[in-house]
């Protein structure tokens, strides 16, 4: 994947984090219960592990500490998907990702 395509993928990932956080906020109850939203969260977290992290690790040799700041919370989301994760935990995680990915990763690639 060329650099421009990868940057576009990261920008889409950032927007998706914000959109999913909004969907969690708008869902009723204190836990994520919608099967569709749970599937969307799973797809989002899986995309990090399948498409994004391997490229950052291999092609760009991104610092391990930066990768860990995304790996841990996204891994936690995947762990919790089997149950009903707390909306506030998911919103906080997604908000943090959306807020930091630009500085942590996108600027590094510029």
C-alpha atoms as a PDB file:
ATOM      1  CA  UNK A   1       0.000   0.000   0.000  1.00  0.00           C
ATOM      2  CA  UNK A   2       1.436   3.369  -0.959  1.00  0.00           C
ATOM      3  CA  UNK A   3       1.827   6.143   1.609  1.00  0.00           C
ATOM      4  CA  UNK A   4      -1.090   8.276   0.367  1.00  0.00           C
ATOM      5  CA  UNK A   5      -3.491   5.324   0.496  1.00  0.00           C
ATOM      6  CA  UNK A   6      -2.285   4.424   3.970  1.00  0.00           C
ATOM      7  CA  UNK A   7      -2.722   8.002   5.207  1.00  0.00           C
ATOM      8  CA  UNK A   8      -6.270   7.960   3.792  1.00  0.00           C
ATOM      9  CA  UNK A   9      -6.913   4.693   5.639  1.00  0.00           C
ATOM     10  CA  UNK A  10      -5.713   6.272   8.899  1.00  0.00           C
ATOM     11  CA  UNK A  11      -7.918   9.340   8.371  1.00  0.00           C
ATOM     12  CA  UNK A  12     -10.914   7.081   7.764  1.00  0.00           C
ATOM     13  CA  UNK A  13     -10.018   5.089  10.888  1.00  0.00           C
ATOM     14  CA  UNK A  14      -9.947   8.330  12.904  1.00  0.00           C
ATOM     15  CA  UNK A  15     -13.367   9.383  11.570  1.00  0.00           C
ATOM     16  CA  UNK A  16     -14.719   5.924  12.280  1.00  0.00           C
ATOM     17  CA  UNK A  17     -13.529   6.180  15.902  1.00  0.00           C
ATOM     18  CA  UNK A  18     -15.424   9.451  16.292  1.00  0.00           C
ATOM     19  CA  UNK A  19     -18.535   8.049  14.643  1.00  0.00           C
ATOM     20  CA  UNK A  20     -18.563   4.942  16.804  1.00  0.00           C
ATOM     21  CA  UNK A  21     -18.090   7.054  19.944  1.00  0.00           C
ATOM     22  CA  UNK A  22     -21.149   9.090  18.922  1.00  0.00           C
ATOM     23  CA  UNK A  23     -23.140   5.917  18.246  1.00  0.00           C
ATOM     24  CA  UNK A  24     -22.231   4.636  21.722  1.00  0.00           C
ATOM     25  CA  UNK A  25     -23.240   7.919  23.294  1.00  0.00           C
ATOM     26  CA  UNK A  26     -26.591   7.858  21.484  1.00  0.00           C
ATOM     27  CA  UNK A  27     -27.384   4.240  22.389  1.00  0.00           C
ATOM     28  CA  UNK A  28     -29.756   3.668  25.271  1.00  0.00           C
ATOM     29  CA  UNK A  29     -28.651   2.183  28.571  1.00  0.00           C
ATOM     30  CA  UNK A  30     -25.279   2.102  30.289  1.00  0.00           C
ATOM     31  CA  UNK A  31     -23.860  -0.736  28.222  1.00  0.00           C
ATOM     32  CA  UNK A  32     -23.392  -1.364  24.523  1.00  0.00           C
ATOM     33  CA  UNK A  33     -26.117  -3.872  23.721  1.00  0.00           C
ATOM     34  CA  UNK A  34     -26.870  -3.409  20.027  1.00  0.00           C
ATOM     35  CA  UNK A  35     -25.618  -6.349  17.986  1.00  0.00           C
ATOM     36  CA  UNK A  36     -24.854  -4.005  15.089  1.00  0.00           C
ATOM     37  CA  UNK A  37     -22.848  -1.620  17.261  1.00  0.00           C
ATOM     38  CA  UNK A  38     -20.952  -4.518  18.845  1.00  0.00           C
ATOM     39  CA  UNK A  39     -20.145  -5.852  15.350  1.00  0.00           C
ATOM     40  CA  UNK A  40     -19.037  -2.377  14.247  1.00  0.00           C
ATOM     41  CA  UNK A  41     -16.751  -2.080  17.285  1.00  0.00           C
ATOM     42  CA  UNK A  42     -15.302  -5.500  16.583  1.00  0.00           C
ATOM     43  CA  UNK A  43     -14.652  -4.602  12.948  1.00  0.00           C
ATOM     44  CA  UNK A  44     -13.054  -1.324  13.974  1.00  0.00           C
ATOM     45  CA  UNK A  45     -10.676  -2.910  16.490  1.00  0.00           C
ATOM     46  CA  UNK A  46      -9.878  -5.785  14.145  1.00  0.00           C
ATOM     47  CA  UNK A  47      -8.963  -3.341  11.386  1.00  0.00           C
ATOM     48  CA  UNK A  48      -6.234  -1.942  13.634  1.00  0.00           C
ATOM     49  CA  UNK A  49      -4.697  -5.380  14.182  1.00  0.00           C
ATOM     50  CA  UNK A  50      -5.163  -6.667  10.615  1.00  0.00           C
ATOM     51  CA  UNK A  51      -4.473  -3.631   8.424  1.00  0.00           C
ATOM     52  CA  UNK A  52      -2.946  -0.743  10.316  1.00  0.00           C
ATOM     53  CA  UNK A  53      -0.560  -1.953  12.999  1.00  0.00           C
ATOM     54  CA  UNK A  54       1.369  -4.355  10.715  1.00  0.00           C
ATOM     55  CA  UNK A  55       2.076  -1.526   8.244  1.00  0.00           C
ATOM     56  CA  UNK A  56       3.086   0.901  10.997  1.00  0.00           C
ATOM     57  CA  UNK A  57       5.352  -1.721  12.507  1.00  0.00           C
ATOM     58  CA  UNK A  58       6.895  -2.924   9.240  1.00  0.00           C
ATOM     59  CA  UNK A  59       6.979  -0.114   6.710  1.00  0.00           C
ATOM     60  CA  UNK A  60       7.268   2.818   9.099  1.00  0.00           C
ATOM     61  CA  UNK A  61       8.976   1.288  12.153  1.00  0.00           C
ATOM     62  CA  UNK A  62       6.721   3.261  14.468  1.00  0.00           C
ATOM     63  CA  UNK A  63       7.876   3.413  18.077  1.00  0.00           C
ATOM     64  CA  UNK A  64       6.621   0.465  20.129  1.00  0.00           C
ATOM     65  CA  UNK A  65       5.277   2.768  22.863  1.00  0.00           C
ATOM     66  CA  UNK A  66       3.020   4.509  20.368  1.00  0.00           C
ATOM     67  CA  UNK A  67       1.745   1.195  19.015  1.00  0.00           C
ATOM     68  CA  UNK A  68       1.051  -0.003  22.548  1.00  0.00           C
ATOM     69  CA  UNK A  69      -1.104   3.082  23.255  1.00  0.00           C
ATOM     70  CA  UNK A  70      -3.492   1.805  20.581  1.00  0.00           C
ATOM     71  CA  UNK A  71      -2.999  -1.950  20.892  1.00  0.00           C
ATOM     72  CA  UNK A  72      -4.015  -2.153  24.553  1.00  0.00           C
ATOM     73  CA  UNK A  73      -7.348  -0.276  24.423  1.00  0.00           C
ATOM     74  CA  UNK A  74      -8.367  -1.828  21.104  1.00  0.00           C
ATOM     75  CA  UNK A  75      -7.490  -5.262  22.453  1.00  0.00           C
ATOM     76  CA  UNK A  76      -9.608  -4.503  25.520  1.00  0.00           C
ATOM     77  CA  UNK A  77     -12.560  -3.600  23.297  1.00  0.00           C
ATOM     78  CA  UNK A  78     -12.193  -6.940  21.516  1.00  0.00           C
ATOM     79  CA  UNK A  79     -12.111  -8.757  24.854  1.00  0.00           C
ATOM     80  CA  UNK A  80     -15.282  -7.036  26.016  1.00  0.00           C
ATOM     81  CA  UNK A  81     -17.266  -7.534  22.813  1.00  0.00           C
ATOM     82  CA  UNK A  82     -18.372 -11.003  23.950  1.00  0.00           C
ATOM     83  CA  UNK A  83     -20.241  -9.378  26.810  1.00  0.00           C
ATOM     84  CA  UNK A  84     -21.766  -5.972  27.040  1.00  0.00           C
ATOM     85  CA  UNK A  85     -19.051  -3.338  27.433  1.00  0.00           C
ATOM     86  CA  UNK A  86     -19.676  -0.128  29.325  1.00  0.00           C
ATOM     87  CA  UNK A  87     -20.683   2.701  26.995  1.00  0.00           C
ATOM     88  CA  UNK A  88     -18.534   5.170  28.912  1.00  0.00           C
ATOM     89  CA  UNK A  89     -15.437   2.964  28.658  1.00  0.00           C
ATOM     90  CA  UNK A  90     -15.923   2.489  24.919  1.00  0.00           C
ATOM     91  CA  UNK A  91     -16.623   6.205  24.363  1.00  0.00           C
ATOM     92  CA  UNK A  92     -13.527   7.213  26.335  1.00  0.00           C
ATOM     93  CA  UNK A  93     -11.351   4.758  24.429  1.00  0.00           C
ATOM     94  CA  UNK A  94     -12.653   5.801  21.025  1.00  0.00           C
ATOM     95  CA  UNK A  95     -12.459   9.490  21.887  1.00  0.00           C
ATOM     96  CA  UNK A  96      -8.862   9.087  22.977  1.00  0.00           C
ATOM     97  CA  UNK A  97      -7.973   7.303  19.747  1.00  0.00           C
ATOM     98  CA  UNK A  98      -9.684   9.938  17.599  1.00  0.00           C
ATOM     99  CA  UNK A  99      -7.962  12.746  19.507  1.00  0.00           C
ATOM    100  CA  UNK A 100      -4.452  11.324  19.496  1.00  0.00           C
ATOM    101  CA  UNK A 101      -4.027   9.454  16.218  1.00  0.00           C
ATOM    102  CA  UNK A 102      -3.330  12.648  14.297  1.00  0.00           C
ATOM    103  CA  UNK A 103      -0.418  13.713  16.507  1.00  0.00           C
ATOM    104  CA  UNK A 104       0.869  10.208  17.280  1.00  0.00           C
ATOM    105  CA  UNK A 105       0.769   8.744  13.779  1.00  0.00           C
ATOM    106  CA  UNK A 106      -0.431  11.000  10.962  1.00  0.00           C
ATOM    107  CA  UNK A 107       2.074  13.787  11.656  1.00  0.00           C
ATOM    108  CA  UNK A 108       4.864  11.210  11.863  1.00  0.00           C
ATOM    109  CA  UNK A 109       3.999  10.063   8.331  1.00  0.00           C
ATOM    110  CA  UNK A 110       3.918  13.599   6.883  1.00  0.00           C
END
